[in-house]
């Protein structure tokens, strides 16, 4: 009887382990993006992502997909979400060409953000041009996504929008490494120590809603935080990010998805909090 009980425990442990590994494998963004593209009339385009693989079905069938339009007259202004809480630190990082975007991946614990008491560790960031999220139907020139993950696999993404203007200091610091990838067939380049704080995610106002990853497998229940303040980036930097990918495409932005009655909040601090 004791052996039987032990066997049951071992089998239960193995089942839980398999389920956790399966969740991890299907919730992360695709590392190699050559299986899909952003061309509207392509068999691999956004409208057909959910048909390419069974585990990507949410891309077509999900009701909480991202990106969305952040329409002012449908946003709930709140003051109780609190300021963005986070702590980032310099860690070794690698630039990687994923086929349709450039990703910067930190190799160790580069810090976290805290949402509703849960810590989400920073994993990577990547860029989309033009922006994927829009504000009052207005698109911007660039959008960076900082992807975080909790110990249980939950995902939280911070998005920052950019318009053409002064060069972005963080991208300026990455230009030589982007040039190395752009000028060769290399798919990745070791950058060394990179401080995520240089991306400047700080803001007193931000949008918050529940959505999905914007590339396959389009995993849902992602907590989105979109910084309200629009940053600046030079047109040369935007072009260079696209050239570095060398996929002969002018865009890597998924079209805006239906909101489907989801609540979108805009955090604005009270006068006391601002002071």
Protein backbone atom coordinates (compact mmCIF):
# COMPACT_ATOMS: atom_id res chain seq x y z
CA UNK A 1 0.00 0.00 0.00
CA UNK A 2 2.85 2.36 0.83
CA UNK A 3 4.52 1.64 -2.54
CA UNK A 4 1.23 2.33 -4.32
CA UNK A 5 0.86 5.67 -2.53
CA UNK A 6 4.42 6.61 -3.47
CA UNK A 7 3.74 5.71 -7.09
CA UNK A 8 0.63 7.93 -7.10
CA UNK A 9 2.65 10.85 -5.70
CA UNK A 10 5.39 10.42 -8.32
CA UNK A 11 2.87 10.23 -11.16
CA UNK A 12 1.06 13.32 -9.86
CA UNK A 13 4.33 15.23 -9.69
CA UNK A 14 5.21 14.26 -13.27
CA UNK A 15 1.80 15.34 -14.56
CA UNK A 16 2.09 18.74 -12.86
CA UNK A 17 5.63 19.16 -14.24
CA UNK A 18 4.50 18.38 -17.79
CA UNK A 19 1.61 20.84 -17.51
CA UNK A 20 3.90 23.60 -16.24
CA UNK A 21 6.41 23.00 -19.03
CA UNK A 22 3.61 22.96 -21.58
CA UNK A 23 2.26 26.27 -20.29
CA UNK A 24 5.71 27.83 -20.41
CA UNK A 25 6.27 26.64 -23.98
CA UNK A 26 3.00 28.02 -25.30
CA UNK A 27 2.83 31.29 -23.35
CA UNK A 28 6.17 32.74 -24.41
CA UNK A 29 6.55 34.78 -27.58
CA UNK A 30 7.88 32.87 -30.58
CA UNK A 31 11.66 33.16 -30.68
CA UNK A 32 11.97 32.57 -34.45
CA UNK A 33 9.38 34.64 -36.28
CA UNK A 34 9.97 33.39 -39.84
CA UNK A 35 6.82 31.25 -39.71
CA UNK A 36 4.59 34.34 -39.92
CA UNK A 37 4.66 37.83 -41.38
CA UNK A 38 2.77 41.14 -41.36
CA UNK A 39 1.61 41.23 -44.99
CA UNK A 40 -2.19 41.61 -45.15
CA UNK A 41 -2.62 39.48 -48.29
CA UNK A 42 -0.17 36.75 -47.27
CA UNK A 43 -1.05 33.21 -46.16
CA UNK A 44 1.22 33.94 -43.20
CA UNK A 45 -0.30 37.36 -42.49
CA UNK A 46 -2.00 38.55 -39.27
CA UNK A 47 -5.50 37.48 -40.34
CA UNK A 48 -4.29 33.88 -40.64
CA UNK A 49 -1.85 33.51 -37.77
CA UNK A 50 -4.34 31.35 -35.89
CA UNK A 51 -4.42 28.84 -38.76
CA UNK A 52 -0.65 28.30 -39.03
CA UNK A 53 -0.37 26.26 -35.82
CA UNK A 54 -3.04 24.81 -33.56
CA UNK A 55 -1.39 26.36 -30.49
CA UNK A 56 -1.71 29.76 -32.17
CA UNK A 57 -5.52 29.55 -32.47
CA UNK A 58 -6.06 32.39 -29.97
CA UNK A 59 -4.65 34.80 -32.59
CA UNK A 60 -7.94 34.35 -34.49
CA UNK A 61 -10.37 33.16 -31.82
CA UNK A 62 -9.31 35.06 -28.71
CA UNK A 63 -11.62 37.76 -27.36
CA UNK A 64 -8.91 39.64 -25.43
CA UNK A 65 -6.35 40.31 -28.13
CA UNK A 66 -3.80 43.12 -28.42
CA UNK A 67 -3.07 45.75 -29.58
CA UNK A 68 -6.13 47.97 -29.20
CA UNK A 69 -7.03 51.60 -29.72
CA UNK A 70 -6.90 53.63 -26.51
CA UNK A 71 -9.94 55.78 -27.18
CA UNK A 72 -10.23 58.70 -24.75
CA UNK A 73 -14.01 58.76 -24.48
CA UNK A 74 -14.06 55.05 -23.56
CA UNK A 75 -11.26 55.15 -20.99
CA UNK A 76 -12.03 54.98 -17.28
CA UNK A 77 -9.92 57.56 -15.45
CA UNK A 78 -8.82 56.24 -12.04
CA UNK A 79 -6.51 57.37 -9.23
CA UNK A 80 -6.22 54.17 -7.20
CA UNK A 81 -3.87 52.05 -9.35
CA UNK A 82 -0.82 53.74 -7.87
CA UNK A 83 2.44 54.74 -9.49
CA UNK A 84 4.38 52.17 -11.46
CA UNK A 85 6.48 50.22 -8.98
CA UNK A 86 9.66 48.67 -10.24
CA UNK A 87 13.35 48.27 -9.81
CA UNK A 88 15.73 47.57 -12.70
CA UNK A 89 19.46 46.82 -12.61
CA UNK A 90 22.25 46.45 -15.23
CA UNK A 91 22.78 42.91 -16.50
CA UNK A 92 24.43 41.25 -19.50
CA UNK A 93 22.21 41.28 -22.58
CA UNK A 94 22.15 40.02 -26.16
CA UNK A 95 20.57 41.58 -29.26
CA UNK A 96 18.77 39.03 -31.40
CA UNK A 97 17.16 39.22 -34.83
CA UNK A 98 13.95 37.15 -34.49
CA UNK A 99 13.02 37.38 -38.15
CA UNK A 100 10.58 40.31 -37.95
CA UNK A 101 11.88 42.32 -35.00
CA UNK A 102 14.99 43.04 -32.96
CA UNK A 103 14.89 41.75 -29.39
CA UNK A 104 17.21 42.66 -26.51
CA UNK A 105 17.26 39.80 -24.03
CA UNK A 106 18.73 40.06 -20.56
CA UNK A 107 20.69 36.96 -19.51
CA UNK A 108 20.05 37.26 -15.76
CA UNK A 109 17.77 38.99 -13.27
CA UNK A 110 17.55 42.56 -14.60
CA UNK A 111 14.90 43.65 -12.13
CA UNK A 112 11.13 43.71 -11.91
CA UNK A 113 7.88 45.62 -11.81
CA UNK A 114 5.26 45.06 -9.13
CA UNK A 115 1.55 44.90 -10.02
CA UNK A 116 -1.10 44.13 -7.41
CA UNK A 117 1.55 42.70 -5.11
CA UNK A 118 3.01 40.33 -7.73
CA UNK A 119 6.59 40.66 -8.97
CA UNK A 120 7.14 40.36 -12.73
CA UNK A 121 10.78 39.93 -13.74
CA UNK A 122 12.06 41.72 -16.82
CA UNK A 123 12.98 39.25 -19.58
CA UNK A 124 13.40 41.19 -22.80
CA UNK A 125 12.36 44.17 -24.88
CA UNK A 126 11.67 44.55 -28.61
CA UNK A 127 10.49 47.19 -31.06
CA UNK A 128 7.54 47.55 -33.46
CA UNK A 129 7.19 50.16 -36.20
CA UNK A 130 4.83 51.82 -36.62
CA UNK A 131 3.30 51.55 -33.15
CA UNK A 132 0.87 48.68 -32.50
CA UNK A 133 -1.30 50.51 -29.98
CA UNK A 134 -3.04 53.65 -31.16
CA UNK A 135 -4.56 56.58 -29.25
CA UNK A 136 -7.81 57.97 -30.65
CA UNK A 137 -7.03 56.12 -33.91
CA UNK A 138 -3.64 57.85 -34.11
CA UNK A 139 -0.65 55.64 -34.82
CA UNK A 140 2.88 56.54 -33.71
CA UNK A 141 6.24 55.91 -35.34
CA UNK A 142 7.62 53.30 -32.92
CA UNK A 143 6.64 51.24 -29.89
CA UNK A 144 8.90 49.33 -27.51
CA UNK A 145 7.60 46.45 -25.40
CA UNK A 146 9.27 45.45 -22.13
CA UNK A 147 8.18 41.90 -21.41
CA UNK A 148 8.03 40.68 -17.80
CA UNK A 149 7.06 37.32 -16.32
CA UNK A 150 5.98 36.21 -12.85
CA UNK A 151 7.27 33.00 -11.18
CA UNK A 152 4.00 31.29 -12.21
CA UNK A 153 4.33 32.30 -15.87
CA UNK A 154 1.96 35.27 -15.91
CA UNK A 155 3.00 38.03 -18.31
CA UNK A 156 3.04 41.82 -17.91
CA UNK A 157 4.17 44.12 -20.72
CA UNK A 158 5.07 47.79 -20.51
CA UNK A 159 4.66 49.69 -23.79
CA UNK A 160 6.16 53.06 -24.71
CA UNK A 161 5.10 55.05 -27.78
CA UNK A 162 7.46 57.25 -29.81
CA UNK A 163 7.06 60.00 -32.40
CA UNK A 164 9.70 61.38 -34.76
CA UNK A 165 11.87 64.02 -33.10
CA UNK A 166 15.10 63.96 -31.10
CA UNK A 167 17.03 60.64 -31.12
CA UNK A 168 16.21 58.19 -28.35
CA UNK A 169 19.28 57.95 -26.06
CA UNK A 170 18.82 54.24 -25.38
CA UNK A 171 18.67 53.36 -29.08
CA UNK A 172 21.68 55.58 -29.66
CA UNK A 173 23.64 53.38 -27.26
CA UNK A 174 22.56 50.30 -29.25
CA UNK A 175 23.37 51.58 -32.74
CA UNK A 176 26.82 50.01 -33.11
CA UNK A 177 25.47 46.60 -32.12
CA UNK A 178 22.51 46.98 -34.47
CA UNK A 179 24.98 47.85 -37.24
CA UNK A 180 26.90 44.62 -36.56
CA UNK A 181 23.72 42.59 -37.01
CA UNK A 182 22.59 44.62 -40.02
CA UNK A 183 25.86 44.31 -41.90
CA UNK A 184 26.24 40.53 -41.59
CA UNK A 185 24.22 37.32 -41.53
CA UNK A 186 24.61 37.19 -37.73
CA UNK A 187 21.33 36.59 -35.90
CA UNK A 188 22.55 37.84 -32.54
CA UNK A 189 25.18 40.02 -30.94
CA UNK A 190 26.39 40.03 -27.34
CA UNK A 191 26.06 43.57 -26.01
CA UNK A 192 27.37 43.22 -22.46
CA UNK A 193 25.99 45.13 -19.50
CA UNK A 194 22.77 47.01 -20.28
CA UNK A 195 20.79 49.05 -17.76
CA UNK A 196 17.03 48.81 -18.44
CA UNK A 197 16.54 52.08 -16.59
CA UNK A 198 17.98 53.85 -19.64
CA UNK A 199 14.73 53.06 -21.49
CA UNK A 200 13.02 55.50 -19.09
CA UNK A 201 9.72 53.82 -18.31
CA UNK A 202 8.88 56.30 -15.54
CA UNK A 203 5.64 58.22 -15.93
CA UNK A 204 2.94 59.59 -13.65
CA UNK A 205 0.17 58.53 -16.06
CA UNK A 206 -0.43 55.26 -17.84
CA UNK A 207 -3.12 53.12 -19.47
CA UNK A 208 -3.89 49.66 -18.06
CA UNK A 209 -5.91 46.83 -19.59
CA UNK A 210 -5.89 43.04 -19.99
CA UNK A 211 -4.90 41.79 -23.43
CA UNK A 212 -2.54 39.39 -25.18
CA UNK A 213 0.86 39.00 -26.72
CA UNK A 214 0.90 40.76 -30.10
CA UNK A 215 2.77 37.95 -31.85
CA UNK A 216 2.02 34.20 -31.85
CA UNK A 217 0.95 32.37 -29.79
CA UNK A 218 -1.12 35.47 -28.86
CA UNK A 219 -1.38 34.30 -25.23
CA UNK A 220 -4.14 36.13 -23.33
CA UNK A 221 -4.46 37.47 -19.76
CA UNK A 222 -1.44 39.69 -20.33
CA UNK A 223 -1.39 42.81 -18.15
CA UNK A 224 -0.66 45.78 -20.39
CA UNK A 225 0.71 49.09 -19.13
CA UNK A 226 1.03 51.76 -21.82
CA UNK A 227 2.90 54.90 -20.78
CA UNK A 228 0.79 57.95 -21.64
CA UNK A 229 3.74 60.27 -22.30
CA UNK A 230 4.93 59.88 -25.89
CA UNK A 231 8.73 59.81 -26.23
CA UNK A 232 10.81 60.92 -29.23
CA UNK A 233 12.94 58.91 -31.68
CA UNK A 234 14.74 59.94 -34.84
CA UNK A 235 13.56 58.76 -38.26
CA UNK A 236 17.04 57.30 -38.83
CA UNK A 237 16.71 55.14 -35.70
CA UNK A 238 13.30 53.81 -36.78
CA UNK A 239 14.64 52.98 -40.26
CA UNK A 240 17.75 51.36 -38.80
CA UNK A 241 15.69 48.99 -36.66
CA UNK A 242 13.84 47.82 -39.77
CA UNK A 243 17.05 47.52 -41.82
CA UNK A 244 18.72 45.51 -39.05
CA UNK A 245 15.98 42.88 -39.32
CA UNK A 246 16.51 42.74 -43.12
CA UNK A 247 13.18 41.01 -43.78
CA UNK A 248 12.32 43.38 -46.69
CA UNK A 249 9.19 44.55 -44.87
CA UNK A 250 8.23 48.12 -44.01
CA UNK A 251 6.29 47.16 -40.89
CA UNK A 252 6.13 44.68 -38.05
CA UNK A 253 2.98 46.01 -36.36
CA UNK A 254 -0.07 43.82 -35.80
CA UNK A 255 -3.35 45.56 -36.72
CA UNK A 256 -5.55 46.91 -33.91
CA UNK A 257 -7.86 44.23 -32.47
CA UNK A 258 -11.50 44.51 -31.26
CA UNK A 259 -11.83 45.85 -27.74
CA UNK A 260 -14.83 43.60 -26.94
CA UNK A 261 -16.10 45.60 -23.95
CA UNK A 262 -12.85 45.35 -22.07
CA UNK A 263 -12.21 47.98 -19.42
CA UNK A 264 -9.31 50.32 -20.21
CA UNK A 265 -8.15 52.45 -17.30
CA UNK A 266 -6.06 55.61 -17.35
CA UNK A 267 -4.22 56.20 -14.11
CA UNK A 268 -3.97 59.85 -13.12
CA UNK A 269 -2.57 60.55 -9.66
CA UNK A 270 -4.28 62.86 -7.22
CA UNK A 271 -2.69 66.20 -6.38
CA UNK A 272 -1.38 64.69 -3.13
CA UNK A 273 0.28 61.80 -5.01
CA UNK A 274 1.88 64.13 -7.54
CA UNK A 275 3.43 66.05 -4.70
